[in-house]
């Protein structure tokens, strides 16, 4: 599958952010050790319930919709939970390096594995 442009990915992410408050509702909550398990209802998906798991120590959050694993974009269910936890930035593990300014600063190697450009 070809990589999408950064602009396309940004637009898809922005759509998830905009949809989160109007399509997501918390329907259940439980704690298991350092894990919060939240049931999130998605009004745009025929009121389907997704399970969002949030690790309080590592700040890792996963969703049963698996959008991040499939597309590399955080889903609206996770965004809704992150915003509810009053986290004001996206945890670093969800930021692809190609979306950052640092991606342009990586050294460039040739086929013979010799450094071409630093």
PDB file of N, CA and C in Angstrom:
ATOM      1  N   UNK A   1       0.851  -1.177   0.000  1.00  0.00           N
ATOM      2  CA  UNK A   1       0.000   0.000   0.000  1.00  0.00           C
ATOM      3  C   UNK A   1       0.896   1.240   0.000  1.00  0.00           C
ATOM      4  N   UNK A   2       0.700   2.153  -0.954  1.00  0.00           N
ATOM      5  CA  UNK A   2       1.545   3.353  -1.024  1.00  0.00           C
ATOM      6  C   UNK A   2       1.279   4.290   0.155  1.00  0.00           C
ATOM      7  N   UNK A   3       2.324   5.017   0.521  1.00  0.00           N
ATOM      8  CA  UNK A   3       2.184   5.994   1.602  1.00  0.00           C
ATOM      9  C   UNK A   3       1.332   7.163   1.139  1.00  0.00           C
ATOM     10  N   UNK A   4       0.475   7.618   2.014  1.00  0.00           N
ATOM     11  CA  UNK A   4      -0.331   8.801   1.719  1.00  0.00           C
ATOM     12  C   UNK A   4       0.501  10.030   2.001  1.00  0.00           C
ATOM     13  N   UNK A   5       0.172  11.114   1.335  1.00  0.00           N
ATOM     14  CA  UNK A   5       0.896  12.361   1.584  1.00  0.00           C
ATOM     15  C   UNK A   5       0.624  12.833   3.003  1.00  0.00           C
ATOM     16  N   UNK A   6       1.537  13.592   3.538  1.00  0.00           N
ATOM     17  CA  UNK A   6       1.382  14.141   4.880  1.00  0.00           C
ATOM     18  C   UNK A   6       0.119  14.982   4.977  1.00  0.00           C
ATOM     19  N   UNK A   7      -0.183  15.728   3.934  1.00  0.00           N
ATOM     20  CA  UNK A   7      -1.381  16.564   3.928  1.00  0.00           C
ATOM     21  C   UNK A   7      -2.648  15.698   4.012  1.00  0.00           C
ATOM     22  N   UNK A   8      -2.683  14.605   3.262  1.00  0.00           N
ATOM     23  CA  UNK A   8      -3.834  13.704   3.280  1.00  0.00           C
ATOM     24  C   UNK A   8      -4.028  13.105   4.663  1.00  0.00           C
ATOM     25  N   UNK A   9      -2.932  12.661   5.274  1.00  0.00           N
ATOM     26  CA  UNK A   9      -2.995  12.077   6.615  1.00  0.00           C
ATOM     27  C   UNK A   9      -3.457  13.131   7.614  1.00  0.00           C
ATOM     28  N   UNK A  10      -2.949  14.353   7.495  1.00  0.00           N
ATOM     29  CA  UNK A  10      -3.368  15.430   8.386  1.00  0.00           C
ATOM     30  C   UNK A  10      -4.870  15.672   8.266  1.00  0.00           C
ATOM     31  N   UNK A  11      -5.387  15.692   7.043  1.00  0.00           N
ATOM     32  CA  UNK A  11      -6.827  15.918   6.836  1.00  0.00           C
ATOM     33  C   UNK A  11      -7.650  14.793   7.454  1.00  0.00           C
ATOM     34  N   UNK A  12      -7.192  13.548   7.325  1.00  0.00           N
ATOM     35  CA  UNK A  12      -7.895  12.425   7.937  1.00  0.00           C
ATOM     36  C   UNK A  12      -7.867  12.522   9.466  1.00  0.00           C
ATOM     37  N   UNK A  13      -6.726  12.908  10.013  1.00  0.00           N
ATOM     38  CA  UNK A  13      -6.610  13.085  11.466  1.00  0.00           C
ATOM     39  C   UNK A  13      -7.517  14.228  11.928  1.00  0.00           C
ATOM     40  N   UNK A  14      -7.491  15.333  11.202  1.00  0.00           N
ATOM     41  CA  UNK A  14      -8.322  16.493  11.553  1.00  0.00           C
ATOM     42  C   UNK A  14      -9.806  16.115  11.551  1.00  0.00           C
ATOM     43  N   UNK A  15     -10.203  15.273  10.617  1.00  0.00           N
ATOM     44  CA  UNK A  15     -11.588  14.809  10.560  1.00  0.00           C
ATOM     45  C   UNK A  15     -11.942  14.005  11.817  1.00  0.00           C
ATOM     46  N   UNK A  16     -11.008  13.165  12.280  1.00  0.00           N
ATOM     47  CA  UNK A  16     -11.237  12.386  13.501  1.00  0.00           C
ATOM     48  C   UNK A  16     -11.386  13.310  14.714  1.00  0.00           C
ATOM     49  N   UNK A  17     -10.552  14.341  14.777  1.00  0.00           N
ATOM     50  CA  UNK A  17     -10.618  15.304  15.891  1.00  0.00           C
ATOM     51  C   UNK A  17     -11.964  16.025  15.883  1.00  0.00           C
ATOM     52  N   UNK A  18     -12.412  16.444  14.714  1.00  0.00           N
ATOM     53  CA  UNK A  18     -13.673  17.170  14.613  1.00  0.00           C
ATOM     54  C   UNK A  18     -14.874  16.286  14.920  1.00  0.00           C
ATOM     55  N   UNK A  19     -14.812  15.000  14.586  1.00  0.00           N
ATOM     56  CA  UNK A  19     -15.930  14.092  14.793  1.00  0.00           C
ATOM     57  C   UNK A  19     -16.032  13.592  16.238  1.00  0.00           C
ATOM     58  N   UNK A  20     -14.928  13.590  16.967  1.00  0.00           N
ATOM     59  CA  UNK A  20     -14.916  13.001  18.309  1.00  0.00           C
ATOM     60  C   UNK A  20     -15.997  13.553  19.242  1.00  0.00           C
ATOM     61  N   UNK A  21     -16.117  14.866  19.414  1.00  0.00           N
ATOM     62  CA  UNK A  21     -17.098  15.352  20.384  1.00  0.00           C
ATOM     63  C   UNK A  21     -18.556  15.137  19.978  1.00  0.00           C
ATOM     64  N   UNK A  22     -18.837  15.056  18.690  1.00  0.00           N
ATOM     65  CA  UNK A  22     -20.237  14.925  18.283  1.00  0.00           C
ATOM     66  C   UNK A  22     -20.658  13.490  17.988  1.00  0.00           C
ATOM     67  N   UNK A  23     -19.713  12.563  17.941  1.00  0.00           N
ATOM     68  CA  UNK A  23     -20.107  11.192  17.625  1.00  0.00           C
ATOM     69  C   UNK A  23     -19.798  10.189  18.739  1.00  0.00           C
ATOM     70  N   UNK A  24     -19.008  10.581  19.730  1.00  0.00           N
ATOM     71  CA  UNK A  24     -18.592   9.639  20.769  1.00  0.00           C
ATOM     72  C   UNK A  24     -19.268   9.938  22.101  1.00  0.00           C
ATOM     73  N   UNK A  25     -19.632   8.862  22.794  1.00  0.00           N
ATOM     74  CA  UNK A  25     -20.212   8.987  24.128  1.00  0.00           C
ATOM     75  C   UNK A  25     -19.695   7.825  24.978  1.00  0.00           C
ATOM     76  N   UNK A  26     -19.327   8.124  26.206  1.00  0.00           N
ATOM     77  CA  UNK A  26     -18.843   7.077  27.114  1.00  0.00           C
ATOM     78  C   UNK A  26     -20.052   6.321  27.651  1.00  0.00           C
ATOM     79  N   UNK A  27     -20.010   4.993  27.501  1.00  0.00           N
ATOM     80  CA  UNK A  27     -21.117   4.149  27.932  1.00  0.00           C
ATOM     81  C   UNK A  27     -20.740   3.245  29.105  1.00  0.00           C
ATOM     82  N   UNK A  28     -19.463   3.158  29.414  1.00  0.00           N
ATOM     83  CA  UNK A  28     -19.048   2.318  30.529  1.00  0.00           C
ATOM     84  C   UNK A  28     -17.594   2.562  30.869  1.00  0.00           C
ATOM     85  N   UNK A  29     -17.235   2.228  32.101  1.00  0.00           N
ATOM     86  CA  UNK A  29     -15.875   2.464  32.582  1.00  0.00           C
ATOM     87  C   UNK A  29     -15.536   1.402  33.632  1.00  0.00           C
ATOM     88  N   UNK A  30     -14.329   0.864  33.539  1.00  0.00           N
ATOM     89  CA  UNK A  30     -13.844  -0.034  34.588  1.00  0.00           C
ATOM     90  C   UNK A  30     -12.336   0.129  34.720  1.00  0.00           C
ATOM     91  N   UNK A  31     -11.818  -0.274  35.873  1.00  0.00           N
ATOM     92  CA  UNK A  31     -10.380  -0.214  36.138  1.00  0.00           C
ATOM     93  C   UNK A  31      -9.872  -1.603  36.441  1.00  0.00           C
ATOM     94  N   UNK A  32      -8.725  -1.932  35.878  1.00  0.00           N
ATOM     95  CA  UNK A  32      -8.041  -3.183  36.182  1.00  0.00           C
ATOM     96  C   UNK A  32      -6.568  -2.848  36.388  1.00  0.00           C
ATOM     97  N   UNK A  33      -6.162  -2.702  37.635  1.00  0.00           N
ATOM     98  CA  UNK A  33      -4.790  -2.303  37.940  1.00  0.00           C
ATOM     99  C   UNK A  33      -4.527  -0.899  37.432  1.00  0.00           C
ATOM    100  N   UNK A  34      -3.511  -0.763  36.578  1.00  0.00           N
ATOM    101  CA  UNK A  34      -3.181   0.554  36.034  1.00  0.00           C
ATOM    102  C   UNK A  34      -3.869   0.816  34.688  1.00  0.00           C
ATOM    103  N   UNK A  35      -4.859  -0.010  34.362  1.00  0.00           N
ATOM    104  CA  UNK A  35      -5.568   0.114  33.090  1.00  0.00           C
ATOM    105  C   UNK A  35      -6.986   0.632  33.308  1.00  0.00           C
ATOM    106  N   UNK A  36      -7.365   1.604  32.510  1.00  0.00           N
ATOM    107  CA  UNK A  36      -8.758   2.050  32.434  1.00  0.00           C
ATOM    108  C   UNK A  36      -9.344   1.439  31.165  1.00  0.00           C
ATOM    109  N   UNK A  37     -10.510   0.851  31.268  1.00  0.00           N
ATOM    110  CA  UNK A  37     -11.195   0.289  30.107  1.00  0.00           C
ATOM    111  C   UNK A  37     -12.508   1.058  29.952  1.00  0.00           C
ATOM    112  N   UNK A  38     -12.614   1.749  28.826  1.00  0.00           N
ATOM    113  CA  UNK A  38     -13.746   2.631  28.606  1.00  0.00           C
ATOM    114  C   UNK A  38     -14.536   2.132  27.395  1.00  0.00           C
ATOM    115  N   UNK A  39     -15.832   2.002  27.541  1.00  0.00           N
ATOM    116  CA  UNK A  39     -16.709   1.659  26.419  1.00  0.00           C
ATOM    117  C   UNK A  39     -17.179   2.960  25.790  1.00  0.00           C
ATOM    118  N   UNK A  40     -16.910   3.108  24.495  1.00  0.00           N
ATOM    119  CA  UNK A  40     -17.255   4.333  23.777  1.00  0.00           C
ATOM    120  C   UNK A  40     -18.247   3.983  22.670  1.00  0.00           C
ATOM    121  N   UNK A  41     -19.381   4.650  22.702  1.00  0.00           N
ATOM    122  CA  UNK A  41     -20.390   4.452  21.664  1.00  0.00           C
ATOM    123  C   UNK A  41     -20.131   5.433  20.526  1.00  0.00           C
ATOM    124  N   UNK A  42     -20.198   4.931  19.301  1.00  0.00           N
ATOM    125  CA  UNK A  42     -19.961   5.751  18.115  1.00  0.00           C
ATOM    126  C   UNK A  42     -21.280   5.953  17.377  1.00  0.00           C
ATOM    127  N   UNK A  43     -21.837   7.138  17.437  1.00  0.00           N
ATOM    128  CA  UNK A  43     -23.129   7.436  16.824  1.00  0.00           C
ATOM    129  C   UNK A  43     -23.075   7.338  15.302  1.00  0.00           C
ATOM    130  N   UNK A  44     -21.915   7.607  14.699  1.00  0.00           N
ATOM    131  CA  UNK A  44     -21.799   7.561  13.249  1.00  0.00           C
ATOM    132  C   UNK A  44     -21.657   6.138  12.718  1.00  0.00           C
ATOM    133  N   UNK A  45     -21.413   5.201  13.589  1.00  0.00           N
ATOM    134  CA  UNK A  45     -21.268   3.799  13.167  1.00  0.00           C
ATOM    135  C   UNK A  45     -22.386   2.958  13.753  1.00  0.00           C
ATOM    136  N   UNK A  46     -23.600   3.450  13.610  1.00  0.00           N
ATOM    137  CA  UNK A  46     -24.822   2.770  14.053  1.00  0.00           C
ATOM    138  C   UNK A  46     -24.764   2.420  15.535  1.00  0.00           C
ATOM    139  N   UNK A  47     -24.212   3.339  16.306  1.00  0.00           N
ATOM    140  CA  UNK A  47     -24.132   3.232  17.769  1.00  0.00           C
ATOM    141  C   UNK A  47     -23.340   2.006  18.230  1.00  0.00           C
ATOM    142  N   UNK A  48     -22.363   1.625  17.438  1.00  0.00           N
ATOM    143  CA  UNK A  48     -21.495   0.502  17.810  1.00  0.00           C
ATOM    144  C   UNK A  48     -20.645   0.904  19.013  1.00  0.00           C
ATOM    145  N   UNK A  49     -20.353  -0.064  19.879  1.00  0.00           N
ATOM    146  CA  UNK A  49     -19.541   0.190  21.073  1.00  0.00           C
ATOM    147  C   UNK A  49     -18.115  -0.302  20.816  1.00  0.00           C
ATOM    148  N   UNK A  50     -17.135   0.557  21.094  1.00  0.00           N
ATOM    149  CA  UNK A  50     -15.727   0.219  20.987  1.00  0.00           C
ATOM    150  C   UNK A  50     -15.101   0.265  22.371  1.00  0.00           C
ATOM    151  N   UNK A  51     -14.149  -0.608  22.627  1.00  0.00           N
ATOM    152  CA  UNK A  51     -13.448  -0.636  23.907  1.00  0.00           C
ATOM    153  C   UNK A  51     -12.124   0.112  23.754  1.00  0.00           C
ATOM    154  N   UNK A  52     -11.947   1.140  24.549  1.00  0.00           N
ATOM    155  CA  UNK A  52     -10.704   1.904  24.560  1.00  0.00           C
ATOM    156  C   UNK A  52      -9.991   1.580  25.868  1.00  0.00           C
ATOM    157  N   UNK A  53      -8.748   1.140  25.757  1.00  0.00           N
ATOM    158  CA  UNK A  53      -7.955   0.786  26.927  1.00  0.00           C
ATOM    159  C   UNK A  53      -6.854   1.822  27.098  1.00  0.00           C
ATOM    160  N   UNK A  54      -6.772   2.403  28.292  1.00  0.00           N
ATOM    161  CA  UNK A  54      -5.786   3.447  28.574  1.00  0.00           C
ATOM    162  C   UNK A  54      -4.902   2.996  29.729  1.00  0.00           C
ATOM    163  N   UNK A  55      -3.595   2.922  29.476  1.00  0.00           N
ATOM    164  CA  UNK A  55      -2.624   2.582  30.509  1.00  0.00           C
ATOM    165  C   UNK A  55      -2.212   3.881  31.198  1.00  0.00           C
ATOM    166  N   UNK A  56      -2.502   3.983  32.496  1.00  0.00           N
ATOM    167  CA  UNK A  56      -2.245   5.230  33.225  1.00  0.00           C
ATOM    168  C   UNK A  56      -0.756   5.532  33.367  1.00  0.00           C
ATOM    169  N   UNK A  57       0.086   4.497  33.389  1.00  0.00           N
ATOM    170  CA  UNK A  57       1.534   4.718  33.545  1.00  0.00           C
ATOM    171  C   UNK A  57       2.189   5.122  32.232  1.00  0.00           C
ATOM    172  N   UNK A  58       1.995   4.320  31.191  1.00  0.00           N
ATOM    173  CA  UNK A  58       2.673   4.582  29.921  1.00  0.00           C
ATOM    174  C   UNK A  58       1.920   5.561  29.025  1.00  0.00           C
ATOM    175  N   UNK A  59       0.671   5.875  29.391  1.00  0.00           N
ATOM    176  CA  UNK A  59      -0.213   6.749  28.605  1.00  0.00           C
ATOM    177  C   UNK A  59      -0.585   6.121  27.264  1.00  0.00           C
ATOM    178  N   UNK A  60      -0.312   4.825  27.086  1.00  0.00           N
ATOM    179  CA  UNK A  60      -0.679   4.129  25.857  1.00  0.00           C
ATOM    180  C   UNK A  60      -2.176   3.883  25.856  1.00  0.00           C
ATOM    181  N   UNK A  61      -2.801   4.179  24.731  1.00  0.00           N
ATOM    182  CA  UNK A  61      -4.237   4.025  24.591  1.00  0.00           C
ATOM    183  C   UNK A  61      -4.509   3.260  23.303  1.00  0.00           C
ATOM    184  N   UNK A  62      -5.322   2.220  23.409  1.00  0.00           N
ATOM    185  CA  UNK A  62      -5.662   1.425  22.231  1.00  0.00           C
ATOM    186  C   UNK A  62      -7.179   1.348  22.098  1.00  0.00           C
ATOM    187  N   UNK A  63      -7.630   1.063  20.883  1.00  0.00           N
ATOM    188  CA  UNK A  63      -9.066   0.971  20.615  1.00  0.00           C
ATOM    189  C   UNK A  63      -9.331  -0.287  19.791  1.00  0.00           C
ATOM    190  N   UNK A  64     -10.478  -0.886  20.025  1.00  0.00           N
ATOM    191  CA  UNK A  64     -10.823  -2.100  19.287  1.00  0.00           C
ATOM    192  C   UNK A  64     -11.151  -1.825  17.820  1.00  0.00           C
ATOM    193  N   UNK A  65     -11.315  -0.569  17.413  1.00  0.00           N
ATOM    194  CA  UNK A  65     -11.524  -0.281  15.988  1.00  0.00           C
ATOM    195  C   UNK A  65     -10.222  -0.456  15.191  1.00  0.00           C
ATOM    196  N   UNK A  66      -9.084  -0.411  15.878  1.00  0.00           N
ATOM    197  CA  UNK A  66      -7.753  -0.660  15.291  1.00  0.00           C
ATOM    198  C   UNK A  66      -7.373   0.314  14.164  1.00  0.00           C
ATOM    199  N   UNK A  67      -7.899   1.521  14.204  1.00  0.00           N
ATOM    200  CA  UNK A  67      -7.576   2.492  13.162  1.00  0.00           C
ATOM    201  C   UNK A  67      -6.088   2.853  13.165  1.00  0.00           C
ATOM    202  N   UNK A  68      -5.515   3.020  14.360  1.00  0.00           N
ATOM    203  CA  UNK A  68      -4.093   3.384  14.409  1.00  0.00           C
ATOM    204  C   UNK A  68      -3.235   2.259  13.826  1.00  0.00           C
ATOM    205  N   UNK A  69      -3.577   1.031  14.135  1.00  0.00           N
ATOM    206  CA  UNK A  69      -2.806  -0.103  13.618  1.00  0.00           C
ATOM    207  C   UNK A  69      -2.974  -0.250  12.106  1.00  0.00           C
ATOM    208  N   UNK A  70      -4.161   0.066  11.575  1.00  0.00           N
ATOM    209  CA  UNK A  70      -4.423  -0.064  10.144  1.00  0.00           C
ATOM    210  C   UNK A  70      -3.931   1.119   9.325  1.00  0.00           C
ATOM    211  N   UNK A  71      -4.160   2.341   9.831  1.00  0.00           N
ATOM    212  CA  UNK A  71      -3.884   3.543   9.042  1.00  0.00           C
ATOM    213  C   UNK A  71      -2.794   4.436   9.610  1.00  0.00           C
ATOM    214  N   UNK A  72      -2.408   4.205  10.867  1.00  0.00           N
ATOM    215  CA  UNK A  72      -1.420   5.083  11.488  1.00  0.00           C
ATOM    216  C   UNK A  72      -2.012   6.399  11.954  1.00  0.00           C
ATOM    217  N   UNK A  73      -3.349   6.441  12.092  1.00  0.00           N
ATOM    218  CA  UNK A  73      -4.049   7.648  12.512  1.00  0.00           C
ATOM    219  C   UNK A  73      -4.843   7.315  13.770  1.00  0.00           C
ATOM    220  N   UNK A  74      -4.744   8.151  14.776  1.00  0.00           N
ATOM    221  CA  UNK A  74      -5.499   7.929  16.006  1.00  0.00           C
ATOM    222  C   UNK A  74      -6.987   8.125  15.698  1.00  0.00           C
ATOM    223  N   UNK A  75      -7.803   7.199  16.172  1.00  0.00           N
ATOM    224  CA  UNK A  75      -9.244   7.280  15.925  1.00  0.00           C
ATOM    225  C   UNK A  75      -9.918   8.282  16.860  1.00  0.00           C
ATOM    226  N   UNK A  76     -11.134   8.646  16.486  1.00  0.00           N
ATOM    227  CA  UNK A  76     -11.910   9.601  17.275  1.00  0.00           C
ATOM    228  C   UNK A  76     -12.219   9.068  18.667  1.00  0.00           C
ATOM    229  N   UNK A  77     -12.291   7.745  18.835  1.00  0.00           N
ATOM    230  CA  UNK A  77     -12.584   7.150  20.148  1.00  0.00           C
ATOM    231  C   UNK A  77     -11.427   7.428  21.113  1.00  0.00           C
ATOM    232  N   UNK A  78     -10.197   7.234  20.627  1.00  0.00           N
ATOM    233  CA  UNK A  78      -9.004   7.502  21.448  1.00  0.00           C
ATOM    234  C   UNK A  78      -8.862   9.000  21.684  1.00  0.00           C
ATOM    235  N   UNK A  79      -9.102   9.805  20.663  1.00  0.00           N
ATOM    236  CA  UNK A  79      -9.021  11.264  20.816  1.00  0.00           C
ATOM    237  C   UNK A  79     -10.003  11.723  21.891  1.00  0.00           C
ATOM    238  N   UNK A  80     -11.199  11.160  21.897  1.00  0.00           N
ATOM    239  CA  UNK A  80     -12.218  11.518  22.881  1.00  0.00           C
ATOM    240  C   UNK A  80     -11.733  11.198  24.290  1.00  0.00           C
ATOM    241  N   UNK A  81     -11.109  10.036  24.470  1.00  0.00           N
ATOM    242  CA  UNK A  81     -10.611   9.631  25.788  1.00  0.00           C
ATOM    243  C   UNK A  81      -9.413  10.484  26.195  1.00  0.00           C
ATOM    244  N   UNK A  82      -8.494  10.723  25.268  1.00  0.00           N
ATOM    245  CA  UNK A  82      -7.322  11.554  25.569  1.00  0.00           C
ATOM    246  C   UNK A  82      -7.766  12.954  25.994  1.00  0.00           C
ATOM    247  N   UNK A  83      -8.737  13.523  25.279  1.00  0.00           N
ATOM    248  CA  UNK A  83      -9.194  14.870  25.648  1.00  0.00           C
ATOM    249  C   UNK A  83      -9.920  14.844  26.988  1.00  0.00           C
ATOM    250  N   UNK A  84     -10.632  13.778  27.280  1.00  0.00           N
ATOM    251  CA  UNK A  84     -11.307  13.640  28.567  1.00  0.00           C
ATOM    252  C   UNK A  84     -10.345  13.493  29.728  1.00  0.00           C
ATOM    253  N   UNK A  85      -9.151  12.954  29.444  1.00  0.00           N
ATOM    254  CA  UNK A  85      -8.112  12.808  30.465  1.00  0.00           C
ATOM    255  C   UNK A  85      -7.328  14.104  30.626  1.00  0.00           C
ATOM    256  N   UNK A  86      -7.730  15.112  29.891  1.00  0.00           N
ATOM    257  CA  UNK A  86      -7.107  16.438  29.927  1.00  0.00           C
ATOM    258  C   UNK A  86      -5.629  16.401  29.532  1.00  0.00           C
ATOM    259  N   UNK A  87      -5.294  15.492  28.615  1.00  0.00           N
ATOM    260  CA  UNK A  87      -3.955  15.481  28.047  1.00  0.00           C
ATOM    261  C   UNK A  87      -3.970  16.495  26.916  1.00  0.00           C
ATOM    262  N   UNK A  88      -3.062  17.445  26.940  1.00  0.00           N
ATOM    263  CA  UNK A  88      -3.093  18.539  25.980  1.00  0.00           C
ATOM    264  C   UNK A  88      -2.190  18.313  24.781  1.00  0.00           C
ATOM    265  N   UNK A  89      -1.602  17.144  24.708  1.00  0.00           N
ATOM    266  CA  UNK A  89      -0.805  16.811  23.535  1.00  0.00           C
ATOM    267  C   UNK A  89      -0.946  15.315  23.262  1.00  0.00           C
ATOM    268  N   UNK A  90      -0.674  14.955  22.047  1.00  0.00           N
ATOM    269  CA  UNK A  90      -0.752  13.554  21.660  1.00  0.00           C
ATOM    270  C   UNK A  90       0.487  12.853  22.191  1.00  0.00           C
ATOM    271  N   UNK A  91       0.325  11.725  22.877  1.00  0.00           N
ATOM    272  CA  UNK A  91       1.499  10.981  23.355  1.00  0.00           C
ATOM    273  C   UNK A  91       2.450  10.665  22.192  1.00  0.00           C
ATOM    274  N   UNK A  92       3.718  10.765  22.451  1.00  0.00           N
ATOM    275  CA  UNK A  92       4.734  10.671  21.405  1.00  0.00           C
ATOM    276  C   UNK A  92       4.688   9.365  20.611  1.00  0.00           C
ATOM    277  N   UNK A  93       4.266   8.271  21.236  1.00  0.00           N
ATOM    278  CA  UNK A  93       4.249   6.994  20.523  1.00  0.00           C
ATOM    279  C   UNK A  93       3.254   6.974  19.358  1.00  0.00           C
ATOM    280  N   UNK A  94       2.373   7.970  19.279  1.00  0.00           N
ATOM    281  CA  UNK A  94       1.393   8.036  18.197  1.00  0.00           C
ATOM    282  C   UNK A  94       1.781   9.018  17.101  1.00  0.00           C
ATOM    283  N   UNK A  95       2.962   9.602  17.196  1.00  0.00           N
ATOM    284  CA  UNK A  95       3.408  10.565  16.198  1.00  0.00           C
ATOM    285  C   UNK A  95       4.450   9.893  15.313  1.00  0.00           C
ATOM    286  N   UNK A  96       4.089   9.682  14.060  1.00  0.00           N
ATOM    287  CA  UNK A  96       4.998   9.076  13.093  1.00  0.00           C
ATOM    288  C   UNK A  96       6.153  10.042  12.806  1.00  0.00           C
ATOM    289  N   UNK A  97       7.362   9.512  12.672  1.00  0.00           N
ATOM    290  CA  UNK A  97       8.517  10.389  12.463  1.00  0.00           C
ATOM    291  C   UNK A  97       8.407  11.173  11.157  1.00  0.00           C
ATOM    292  N   UNK A  98       7.725  10.629  10.161  1.00  0.00           N
ATOM    293  CA  UNK A  98       7.623  11.348   8.882  1.00  0.00           C
ATOM    294  C   UNK A  98       6.751  12.595   8.981  1.00  0.00           C
ATOM    295  N   UNK A  99       6.008  12.756  10.088  1.00  0.00           N
ATOM    296  CA  UNK A  99       5.178  13.939  10.277  1.00  0.00           C
ATOM    297  C   UNK A  99       5.938  15.068  10.948  1.00  0.00           C
ATOM    298  N   UNK A 100       7.158  14.836  11.359  1.00  0.00           N
ATOM    299  CA  UNK A 100       7.901  15.832  12.119  1.00  0.00           C
ATOM    300  C   UNK A 100       9.010  16.466  11.277  1.00  0.00           C
ATOM    301  N   UNK A 101       9.511  17.585  11.756  1.00  0.00           N
ATOM    302  CA  UNK A 101      10.622  18.252  11.075  1.00  0.00           C
ATOM    303  C   UNK A 101      11.882  17.409  11.139  1.00  0.00           C
ATOM    304  N   UNK A 102      12.005  16.563  12.153  1.00  0.00           N
ATOM    305  CA  UNK A 102      13.189  15.716  12.311  1.00  0.00           C
ATOM    306  C   UNK A 102      13.351  14.720  11.167  1.00  0.00           C
ATOM    307  N   UNK A 103      12.284  14.386  10.475  1.00  0.00           N
ATOM    308  CA  UNK A 103      12.363  13.387   9.400  1.00  0.00           C
ATOM    309  C   UNK A 103      13.294  13.845   8.287  1.00  0.00           C
ATOM    310  N   UNK A 104      13.434  15.139   8.099  1.00  0.00           N
ATOM    311  CA  UNK A 104      14.317  15.659   7.063  1.00  0.00           C
ATOM    312  C   UNK A 104      15.775  15.682   7.497  1.00  0.00           C
ATOM    313  N   UNK A 105      16.038  15.441   8.741  1.00  0.00           N
ATOM    314  CA  UNK A 105      17.396  15.539   9.262  1.00  0.00           C
ATOM    315  C   UNK A 105      18.106  14.192   9.369  1.00  0.00           C
ATOM    316  N   UNK A 106      17.494  13.138   8.856  1.00  0.00           N
ATOM    317  CA  UNK A 106      18.111  11.825   8.925  1.00  0.00           C
ATOM    318  C   UNK A 106      19.219  11.735   7.882  1.00  0.00           C
ATOM    319  N   UNK A 107      20.314  11.041   8.201  1.00  0.00           N
ATOM    320  CA  UNK A 107      21.386  10.894   7.222  1.00  0.00           C
ATOM    321  C   UNK A 107      20.916  10.070   6.021  1.00  0.00           C
ATOM    322  N   UNK A 108      21.500  10.312   4.866  1.00  0.00           N
ATOM    323  CA  UNK A 108      21.149   9.621   3.635  1.00  0.00           C
ATOM    324  C   UNK A 108      22.289   8.689   3.264  1.00  0.00           C
ATOM    325  N   UNK A 109      21.950   7.414   3.031  1.00  0.00           N
ATOM    326  CA  UNK A 109      22.953   6.399   2.705  1.00  0.00           C
ATOM    327  C   UNK A 109      22.731   5.891   1.295  1.00  0.00           C
ATOM    328  N   UNK A 110      23.839   5.543   0.614  1.00  0.00           N
ATOM    329  CA  UNK A 110      23.769   4.963  -0.725  1.00  0.00           C
ATOM    330  C   UNK A 110      23.573   3.456  -0.666  1.00  0.00           C
ATOM    331  N   UNK A 111      23.521   2.820  -1.827  1.00  0.00           N
ATOM    332  CA  UNK A 111      23.320   1.370  -1.887  1.00  0.00           C
ATOM    333  C   UNK A 111      24.470   0.611  -1.245  1.00  0.00           C
ATOM    334  N   UNK A 112      25.672   1.209  -1.269  1.00  0.00           N
ATOM    335  CA  UNK A 112      26.840   0.566  -0.658  1.00  0.00           C
ATOM    336  C   UNK A 112      26.935   0.869   0.831  1.00  0.00           C
ATOM    337  N   UNK A 113      25.863   1.460   1.384  1.00  0.00           N
ATOM    338  CA  UNK A 113      25.745   1.802   2.809  1.00  0.00           C
ATOM    339  C   UNK A 113      26.741   2.846   3.271  1.00  0.00           C
ATOM    340  N   UNK A 114      27.309   3.609   2.330  1.00  0.00           N
ATOM    341  CA  UNK A 114      28.174   4.718   2.675  1.00  0.00           C
ATOM    342  C   UNK A 114      27.344   5.969   2.830  1.00  0.00           C
ATOM    343  N   UNK A 115      27.735   6.796   3.789  1.00  0.00           N
ATOM    344  CA  UNK A 115      27.022   8.022   4.064  1.00  0.00           C
ATOM    345  C   UNK A 115      27.168   8.984   2.882  1.00  0.00           C
ATOM    346  N   UNK A 116      26.031   9.384   2.280  1.00  0.00           N
ATOM    347  CA  UNK A 116      26.030  10.310   1.154  1.00  0.00           C
ATOM    348  C   UNK A 116      25.894  11.749   1.612  1.00  0.00           C
ATOM    349  N   UNK A 117      25.057  11.909   2.628  1.00  0.00           N
ATOM    350  CA  UNK A 117      24.718  13.253   3.063  1.00  0.00           C
ATOM    351  C   UNK A 117      24.365  13.191   4.530  1.00  0.00           C
ATOM    352  N   UNK A 118      24.789  14.179   5.285  1.00  0.00           N
ATOM    353  CA  UNK A 118      24.483  14.221   6.724  1.00  0.00           C
ATOM    354  C   UNK A 118      23.591  15.356   7.047  1.00  0.00           C
TER     355      UNK A 118
END
